[in-house]
Amino acid sequence: MRLALLFCTLILAQALSAQRASKNVVPNNPFTHWDGTERTLTEIFKAHRGKVIYIDFWASWRAPCRKEMPASKALHEKLGDDVVFVYISIDDNKAAWTDMVGRLDLAKAGEHYHRRSADMKDFLRFFGIYSIPRYMIIDKSGQFYEND
């Protein structure tokens, strides 16, 4: 009985810790938009409330990320306005990010954001992002439908 009580206490403590972490991690990690403005993930979600959101975490220096971009662009063209495509670069070099978006002709394919990976460690860990490319789908009600 004590073991069961201890187990339940640990699960509750972990759930409360995760809830507190989400209140700090998500709003405290702004991304720089292509146009220079900053938005948090919460603000991005609110701007697209009621729509499906496809999030792609990537970096210009990562070959698998660059290789997947033509397929992502084609998917964006196929789905049109039914899905919001959000690309979040974790490049440490902002110029490399902007250059690659231009070289891959992605500027019109969704919304583009940037934040240095060193500044996003807690954010990436919170969402279980340990390698890129990494994809998330958020459904119309704001629930994470897929995390990869």
N, C-alpha and C. Protein backbone atom coordinates (compact mmCIF):
# COMPACT_ATOMS: atom_id res chain seq x y z
N MET A 1 0.81 -1.19 0.00
CA MET A 1 0.00 0.00 0.00
C MET A 1 0.86 1.26 0.00
N ARG A 2 1.92 1.26 0.80
CA ARG A 2 2.83 2.40 0.85
C ARG A 2 3.50 2.62 -0.50
N LEU A 3 3.86 1.52 -1.14
CA LEU A 3 4.50 1.61 -2.45
C LEU A 3 3.55 2.23 -3.47
N ALA A 4 2.30 1.84 -3.44
CA ALA A 4 1.30 2.40 -4.36
C ALA A 4 1.11 3.88 -4.09
N LEU A 5 1.07 4.27 -2.82
CA LEU A 5 0.92 5.67 -2.45
C LEU A 5 2.14 6.48 -2.90
N LEU A 6 3.31 5.95 -2.72
CA LEU A 6 4.53 6.60 -3.17
C LEU A 6 4.52 6.77 -4.68
N PHE A 7 4.13 5.73 -5.38
CA PHE A 7 4.06 5.78 -6.84
C PHE A 7 3.09 6.86 -7.30
N CYS A 8 1.90 6.92 -6.71
CA CYS A 8 0.90 7.94 -7.06
C CYS A 8 1.42 9.34 -6.77
N THR A 9 2.11 9.51 -5.66
CA THR A 9 2.68 10.80 -5.30
C THR A 9 3.72 11.24 -6.32
N LEU A 10 4.57 10.31 -6.74
CA LEU A 10 5.58 10.63 -7.75
C LEU A 10 4.95 11.03 -9.08
N ILE A 11 3.91 10.34 -9.49
CA ILE A 11 3.23 10.66 -10.75
C ILE A 11 2.60 12.04 -10.65
N LEU A 12 1.95 12.34 -9.54
CA LEU A 12 1.33 13.64 -9.35
C LEU A 12 2.39 14.75 -9.36
N ALA A 13 3.50 14.53 -8.68
CA ALA A 13 4.58 15.52 -8.64
C ALA A 13 5.13 15.77 -10.04
N GLN A 14 5.28 14.70 -10.81
CA GLN A 14 5.79 14.84 -12.17
C GLN A 14 4.80 15.62 -13.03
N ALA A 15 3.53 15.35 -12.89
CA ALA A 15 2.51 16.06 -13.68
C ALA A 15 2.49 17.54 -13.33
N LEU A 16 2.57 17.86 -12.04
CA LEU A 16 2.59 19.26 -11.61
C LEU A 16 3.85 19.96 -12.10
N SER A 17 4.97 19.27 -12.07
CA SER A 17 6.22 19.84 -12.56
C SER A 17 6.13 20.12 -14.06
N ALA A 18 5.57 19.20 -14.82
CA ALA A 18 5.40 19.41 -16.27
C ALA A 18 4.48 20.58 -16.54
N GLN A 19 3.42 20.72 -15.75
CA GLN A 19 2.49 21.83 -15.94
C GLN A 19 3.20 23.16 -15.67
N ARG A 20 3.98 23.24 -14.59
CA ARG A 20 4.72 24.46 -14.30
C ARG A 20 5.73 24.74 -15.41
N ALA A 21 6.40 23.71 -15.89
CA ALA A 21 7.39 23.89 -16.95
C ALA A 21 6.75 24.44 -18.21
N SER A 22 5.57 23.95 -18.57
CA SER A 22 4.92 24.43 -19.79
C SER A 22 4.54 25.89 -19.65
N LYS A 23 4.20 26.33 -18.43
CA LYS A 23 3.85 27.73 -18.22
C LYS A 23 5.07 28.63 -18.38
N ASN A 24 6.26 28.10 -18.16
CA ASN A 24 7.48 28.89 -18.30
C ASN A 24 8.14 28.73 -19.66
N VAL A 25 8.21 27.51 -20.16
CA VAL A 25 8.95 27.23 -21.38
C VAL A 25 8.29 27.83 -22.61
N VAL A 26 7.00 27.63 -22.78
CA VAL A 26 6.33 28.08 -24.00
C VAL A 26 6.29 29.59 -24.10
N PRO A 27 5.84 30.33 -23.08
CA PRO A 27 5.78 31.79 -23.24
C PRO A 27 7.13 32.48 -23.18
N ASN A 28 8.13 31.86 -22.60
CA ASN A 28 9.43 32.50 -22.45
C ASN A 28 10.40 32.19 -23.58
N ASN A 29 9.91 31.69 -24.68
CA ASN A 29 10.77 31.37 -25.81
C ASN A 29 10.23 32.00 -27.09
N PRO A 30 10.50 33.28 -27.27
CA PRO A 30 10.01 33.93 -28.50
C PRO A 30 10.87 33.54 -29.70
N PHE A 31 10.21 33.50 -30.84
CA PHE A 31 10.89 33.23 -32.10
C PHE A 31 10.87 34.49 -32.94
N THR A 32 11.91 34.70 -33.72
CA THR A 32 11.96 35.85 -34.61
C THR A 32 11.36 35.44 -35.95
N HIS A 33 10.33 36.17 -36.36
CA HIS A 33 9.66 35.93 -37.63
C HIS A 33 10.54 36.45 -38.76
N TRP A 34 10.27 35.97 -39.94
CA TRP A 34 10.98 36.39 -41.15
C TRP A 34 11.00 37.91 -41.27
N ASP A 35 9.92 38.59 -40.83
CA ASP A 35 9.83 40.05 -40.96
C ASP A 35 10.49 40.79 -39.81
N GLY A 36 11.09 40.05 -38.84
CA GLY A 36 11.80 40.67 -37.74
C GLY A 36 11.01 40.79 -36.45
N THR A 37 9.70 40.57 -36.49
CA THR A 37 8.90 40.61 -35.28
C THR A 37 9.11 39.34 -34.48
N GLU A 38 8.78 39.39 -33.19
CA GLU A 38 8.91 38.21 -32.33
C GLU A 38 7.54 37.70 -31.93
N ARG A 39 7.42 36.37 -31.87
CA ARG A 39 6.20 35.71 -31.43
C ARG A 39 6.57 34.48 -30.62
N THR A 40 5.76 34.20 -29.61
CA THR A 40 5.93 32.95 -28.87
C THR A 40 5.06 31.89 -29.54
N LEU A 41 5.26 30.65 -29.15
CA LEU A 41 4.45 29.57 -29.70
C LEU A 41 2.97 29.79 -29.36
N THR A 42 2.70 30.30 -28.18
CA THR A 42 1.33 30.59 -27.79
C THR A 42 0.71 31.62 -28.74
N GLU A 43 1.45 32.65 -29.07
CA GLU A 43 0.94 33.67 -30.00
C GLU A 43 0.72 33.10 -31.40
N ILE A 44 1.60 32.21 -31.82
CA ILE A 44 1.43 31.57 -33.13
C ILE A 44 0.16 30.73 -33.12
N PHE A 45 -0.06 29.97 -32.05
CA PHE A 45 -1.28 29.15 -31.94
C PHE A 45 -2.52 30.03 -31.96
N LYS A 46 -2.51 31.11 -31.19
CA LYS A 46 -3.67 32.00 -31.13
C LYS A 46 -3.97 32.62 -32.49
N ALA A 47 -2.94 32.96 -33.22
CA ALA A 47 -3.14 33.57 -34.54
C ALA A 47 -3.81 32.61 -35.52
N HIS A 48 -3.67 31.31 -35.26
CA HIS A 48 -4.21 30.31 -36.18
C HIS A 48 -5.23 29.40 -35.50
N ARG A 49 -5.88 29.92 -34.48
CA ARG A 49 -6.89 29.15 -33.74
C ARG A 49 -7.94 28.59 -34.71
N GLY A 50 -8.26 27.32 -34.54
CA GLY A 50 -9.28 26.68 -35.37
C GLY A 50 -8.73 26.08 -36.66
N LYS A 51 -7.41 26.16 -36.85
CA LYS A 51 -6.78 25.58 -38.04
C LYS A 51 -5.79 24.50 -37.62
N VAL A 52 -5.51 23.61 -38.53
CA VAL A 52 -4.47 22.62 -38.32
C VAL A 52 -3.13 23.31 -38.55
N ILE A 53 -2.17 23.06 -37.66
CA ILE A 53 -0.84 23.68 -37.76
C ILE A 53 0.21 22.58 -37.89
N TYR A 54 1.03 22.71 -38.91
CA TYR A 54 2.16 21.80 -39.16
C TYR A 54 3.41 22.58 -38.76
N ILE A 55 4.16 22.08 -37.79
CA ILE A 55 5.40 22.75 -37.37
C ILE A 55 6.58 21.88 -37.75
N ASP A 56 7.54 22.51 -38.40
CA ASP A 56 8.77 21.84 -38.84
C ASP A 56 9.95 22.51 -38.16
N PHE A 57 10.64 21.78 -37.27
CA PHE A 57 11.87 22.27 -36.66
C PHE A 57 13.02 21.82 -37.55
N TRP A 58 13.85 22.74 -37.96
CA TRP A 58 14.91 22.42 -38.91
C TRP A 58 16.10 23.36 -38.72
N ALA A 59 17.17 23.11 -39.49
CA ALA A 59 18.34 24.00 -39.53
C ALA A 59 18.97 23.91 -40.91
N SER A 60 19.51 25.01 -41.37
CA SER A 60 20.08 25.08 -42.72
C SER A 60 21.31 24.18 -42.88
N TRP A 61 22.05 23.96 -41.81
CA TRP A 61 23.28 23.17 -41.87
C TRP A 61 23.02 21.67 -41.87
N ARG A 62 21.79 21.26 -41.59
CA ARG A 62 21.46 19.83 -41.46
C ARG A 62 20.94 19.29 -42.79
N ALA A 63 21.72 18.41 -43.42
CA ALA A 63 21.37 17.86 -44.74
C ALA A 63 19.99 17.20 -44.77
N PRO A 64 19.61 16.38 -43.79
CA PRO A 64 18.27 15.79 -43.84
C PRO A 64 17.15 16.84 -43.83
N CYS A 65 17.38 17.95 -43.16
CA CYS A 65 16.38 19.04 -43.16
C CYS A 65 16.23 19.64 -44.55
N ARG A 66 17.36 19.93 -45.17
CA ARG A 66 17.32 20.51 -46.52
C ARG A 66 16.70 19.53 -47.51
N LYS A 67 16.99 18.25 -47.34
CA LYS A 67 16.47 17.23 -48.25
C LYS A 67 14.95 17.11 -48.16
N GLU A 68 14.38 17.31 -46.99
CA GLU A 68 12.93 17.19 -46.78
C GLU A 68 12.15 18.43 -47.23
N MET A 69 12.81 19.56 -47.40
CA MET A 69 12.10 20.79 -47.71
C MET A 69 11.31 20.77 -49.02
N PRO A 70 11.82 20.20 -50.11
CA PRO A 70 10.99 20.16 -51.33
C PRO A 70 9.67 19.40 -51.12
N ALA A 71 9.70 18.32 -50.34
CA ALA A 71 8.47 17.57 -50.07
C ALA A 71 7.53 18.39 -49.20
N SER A 72 8.07 19.11 -48.25
CA SER A 72 7.25 19.97 -47.40
C SER A 72 6.63 21.10 -48.21
N LYS A 73 7.40 21.67 -49.09
CA LYS A 73 6.90 22.73 -49.96
C LYS A 73 5.77 22.20 -50.85
N ALA A 74 5.94 21.02 -51.41
CA ALA A 74 4.90 20.41 -52.25
C ALA A 74 3.64 20.12 -51.44
N LEU A 75 3.82 19.68 -50.20
CA LEU A 75 2.68 19.43 -49.32
C LEU A 75 1.93 20.73 -49.03
N HIS A 76 2.69 21.80 -48.81
CA HIS A 76 2.09 23.12 -48.58
C HIS A 76 1.27 23.55 -49.79
N GLU A 77 1.83 23.36 -50.97
CA GLU A 77 1.11 23.74 -52.20
C GLU A 77 -0.14 22.89 -52.39
N LYS A 78 -0.09 21.63 -52.03
CA LYS A 78 -1.23 20.73 -52.19
C LYS A 78 -2.35 21.07 -51.21
N LEU A 79 -1.99 21.34 -49.94
CA LEU A 79 -3.00 21.57 -48.91
C LEU A 79 -3.49 23.01 -48.86
N GLY A 80 -2.71 23.92 -49.42
CA GLY A 80 -3.13 25.31 -49.48
C GLY A 80 -3.42 25.90 -48.12
N ASP A 81 -4.59 26.54 -48.00
CA ASP A 81 -4.96 27.23 -46.77
C ASP A 81 -5.58 26.32 -45.72
N ASP A 82 -5.71 25.03 -46.01
CA ASP A 82 -6.31 24.11 -45.04
C ASP A 82 -5.40 23.84 -43.85
N VAL A 83 -4.10 23.99 -44.05
CA VAL A 83 -3.11 23.74 -43.00
C VAL A 83 -2.15 24.92 -42.97
N VAL A 84 -1.82 25.39 -41.77
CA VAL A 84 -0.83 26.45 -41.59
C VAL A 84 0.53 25.79 -41.42
N PHE A 85 1.47 26.15 -42.25
CA PHE A 85 2.82 25.60 -42.17
C PHE A 85 3.71 26.59 -41.44
N VAL A 86 4.33 26.13 -40.35
CA VAL A 86 5.21 26.96 -39.55
C VAL A 86 6.57 26.28 -39.51
N TYR A 87 7.58 26.99 -39.97
CA TYR A 87 8.94 26.47 -40.00
C TYR A 87 9.75 27.21 -38.95
N ILE A 88 10.36 26.46 -38.03
CA ILE A 88 11.17 27.06 -36.97
C ILE A 88 12.60 26.58 -37.13
N SER A 89 13.46 27.50 -37.48
CA SER A 89 14.88 27.19 -37.66
C SER A 89 15.60 27.35 -36.33
N ILE A 90 16.48 26.40 -36.06
CA ILE A 90 17.31 26.50 -34.85
C ILE A 90 18.77 26.76 -35.22
N ASP A 91 18.96 27.42 -36.36
CA ASP A 91 20.30 27.81 -36.78
C ASP A 91 20.92 28.76 -35.77
N ASP A 92 22.20 28.60 -35.50
CA ASP A 92 22.90 29.57 -34.67
C ASP A 92 23.26 30.80 -35.49
N ASN A 93 23.34 30.64 -36.79
CA ASN A 93 23.69 31.72 -37.70
C ASN A 93 22.42 32.18 -38.44
N LYS A 94 21.91 33.33 -38.06
CA LYS A 94 20.67 33.84 -38.65
C LYS A 94 20.82 34.07 -40.16
N ALA A 95 21.98 34.53 -40.59
CA ALA A 95 22.21 34.77 -42.02
C ALA A 95 22.14 33.47 -42.81
N ALA A 96 22.62 32.37 -42.24
CA ALA A 96 22.55 31.08 -42.92
C ALA A 96 21.10 30.66 -43.09
N TRP A 97 20.28 30.93 -42.08
CA TRP A 97 18.84 30.64 -42.15
C TRP A 97 18.18 31.42 -43.29
N THR A 98 18.36 32.72 -43.29
CA THR A 98 17.70 33.54 -44.32
C THR A 98 18.19 33.15 -45.71
N ASP A 99 19.49 32.88 -45.84
CA ASP A 99 20.04 32.46 -47.13
C ASP A 99 19.42 31.15 -47.60
N MET A 100 19.28 30.18 -46.71
CA MET A 100 18.74 28.87 -47.09
C MET A 100 17.25 28.96 -47.44
N VAL A 101 16.49 29.77 -46.72
CA VAL A 101 15.08 29.95 -47.06
C VAL A 101 14.97 30.49 -48.48
N GLY A 102 15.84 31.41 -48.84
CA GLY A 102 15.86 31.95 -50.20
C GLY A 102 16.31 30.92 -51.22
N ARG A 103 17.38 30.20 -50.92
CA ARG A 103 17.90 29.19 -51.87
C ARG A 103 16.92 28.07 -52.12
N LEU A 104 16.16 27.69 -51.08
CA LEU A 104 15.18 26.62 -51.22
C LEU A 104 13.82 27.14 -51.70
N ASP A 105 13.74 28.45 -51.93
CA ASP A 105 12.51 29.10 -52.42
C ASP A 105 11.33 28.80 -51.50
N LEU A 106 11.54 29.04 -50.20
CA LEU A 106 10.53 28.71 -49.20
C LEU A 106 9.78 29.92 -48.65
N ALA A 107 10.19 31.12 -49.03
CA ALA A 107 9.65 32.33 -48.40
C ALA A 107 8.13 32.40 -48.45
N LYS A 108 7.52 31.91 -49.51
CA LYS A 108 6.07 31.97 -49.65
C LYS A 108 5.38 30.69 -49.15
N ALA A 109 6.17 29.72 -48.75
CA ALA A 109 5.62 28.43 -48.29
C ALA A 109 5.52 28.42 -46.77
N GLY A 110 4.54 29.10 -46.22
CA GLY A 110 4.33 29.07 -44.78
C GLY A 110 4.97 30.24 -44.07
N GLU A 111 4.99 30.13 -42.74
CA GLU A 111 5.57 31.15 -41.88
C GLU A 111 6.93 30.67 -41.39
N HIS A 112 7.88 31.59 -41.37
CA HIS A 112 9.25 31.22 -41.01
C HIS A 112 9.71 31.97 -39.77
N TYR A 113 10.25 31.19 -38.83
CA TYR A 113 10.74 31.74 -37.57
C TYR A 113 12.14 31.20 -37.30
N HIS A 114 12.85 31.91 -36.44
CA HIS A 114 14.22 31.53 -36.11
C HIS A 114 14.48 31.76 -34.63
N ARG A 115 15.27 30.89 -34.06
CA ARG A 115 15.82 31.07 -32.71
C ARG A 115 17.04 30.18 -32.59
N ARG A 116 18.11 30.74 -32.07
CA ARG A 116 19.34 29.96 -31.92
C ARG A 116 19.10 28.74 -31.03
N SER A 117 19.67 27.61 -31.42
CA SER A 117 19.47 26.37 -30.66
C SER A 117 19.96 26.51 -29.22
N ALA A 118 21.04 27.27 -29.01
CA ALA A 118 21.57 27.45 -27.66
C ALA A 118 20.56 28.16 -26.76
N ASP A 119 19.68 28.99 -27.34
CA ASP A 119 18.67 29.71 -26.58
C ASP A 119 17.39 28.91 -26.39
N MET A 120 17.33 27.72 -26.99
CA MET A 120 16.10 26.93 -26.98
C MET A 120 16.23 25.60 -26.26
N LYS A 121 17.28 25.40 -25.51
CA LYS A 121 17.52 24.08 -24.91
C LYS A 121 16.33 23.58 -24.08
N ASP A 122 15.79 24.42 -23.21
CA ASP A 122 14.66 24.00 -22.38
C ASP A 122 13.42 23.73 -23.23
N PHE A 123 13.20 24.58 -24.22
CA PHE A 123 12.05 24.43 -25.11
C PHE A 123 12.13 23.11 -25.87
N LEU A 124 13.27 22.84 -26.47
CA LEU A 124 13.45 21.60 -27.24
C LEU A 124 13.32 20.37 -26.34
N ARG A 125 13.90 20.43 -25.17
CA ARG A 125 13.81 19.31 -24.23
C ARG A 125 12.37 19.09 -23.79
N PHE A 126 11.64 20.17 -23.52
CA PHE A 126 10.25 20.07 -23.09
C PHE A 126 9.40 19.32 -24.11
N PHE A 127 9.64 19.58 -25.40
CA PHE A 127 8.87 18.94 -26.45
C PHE A 127 9.50 17.64 -26.95
N GLY A 128 10.59 17.22 -26.33
CA GLY A 128 11.21 15.96 -26.70
C GLY A 128 11.89 16.01 -28.06
N ILE A 129 12.42 17.17 -28.40
CA ILE A 129 13.09 17.34 -29.69
C ILE A 129 14.59 17.20 -29.45
N TYR A 130 15.11 16.04 -29.87
CA TYR A 130 16.53 15.76 -29.67
C TYR A 130 17.29 15.66 -30.98
N SER A 131 16.56 15.67 -32.09
CA SER A 131 17.19 15.68 -33.40
C SER A 131 16.23 16.36 -34.38
N ILE A 132 16.78 16.83 -35.46
CA ILE A 132 15.98 17.48 -36.50
C ILE A 132 16.30 16.85 -37.84
N PRO A 133 15.40 16.87 -38.78
CA PRO A 133 14.11 17.56 -38.72
C PRO A 133 13.15 16.87 -37.76
N ARG A 134 12.27 17.68 -37.22
CA ARG A 134 11.24 17.20 -36.29
C ARG A 134 9.94 17.90 -36.63
N TYR A 135 8.86 17.16 -36.64
CA TYR A 135 7.57 17.69 -37.07
C TYR A 135 6.54 17.53 -35.97
N MET A 136 5.63 18.49 -35.88
CA MET A 136 4.51 18.42 -34.97
C MET A 136 3.25 18.83 -35.72
N ILE A 137 2.16 18.17 -35.42
CA ILE A 137 0.86 18.54 -35.97
C ILE A 137 -0.02 18.93 -34.79
N ILE A 138 -0.62 20.11 -34.88
CA ILE A 138 -1.55 20.57 -33.88
C ILE A 138 -2.92 20.61 -34.55
N ASP A 139 -3.90 19.93 -33.97
CA ASP A 139 -5.21 19.87 -34.62
C ASP A 139 -6.00 21.16 -34.39
N LYS A 140 -7.19 21.21 -34.96
CA LYS A 140 -8.01 22.43 -34.92
C LYS A 140 -8.39 22.85 -33.50
N SER A 141 -8.39 21.91 -32.58
CA SER A 141 -8.75 22.24 -31.20
C SER A 141 -7.52 22.61 -30.37
N GLY A 142 -6.33 22.59 -30.97
CA GLY A 142 -5.10 22.97 -30.27
C GLY A 142 -4.38 21.82 -29.60
N GLN A 143 -4.80 20.60 -29.89
CA GLN A 143 -4.15 19.43 -29.30
C GLN A 143 -3.02 18.93 -30.20
N PHE A 144 -1.95 18.47 -29.58
CA PHE A 144 -0.86 17.88 -30.35
C PHE A 144 -1.32 16.52 -30.84
N TYR A 145 -1.45 16.41 -32.14
CA TYR A 145 -1.92 15.16 -32.74
C TYR A 145 -0.77 14.23 -33.00
N GLU A 146 0.36 14.78 -33.40
CA GLU A 146 1.53 13.98 -33.75
C GLU A 146 2.76 14.76 -33.35
N ASN A 147 3.75 14.09 -32.80
CA ASN A 147 4.98 14.73 -32.41
C ASN A 147 6.14 13.96 -33.04
N ASP A 148 6.29 14.10 -34.33
CA ASP A 148 7.41 13.58 -35.11
C ASP A 148 6.94 13.51 -36.52
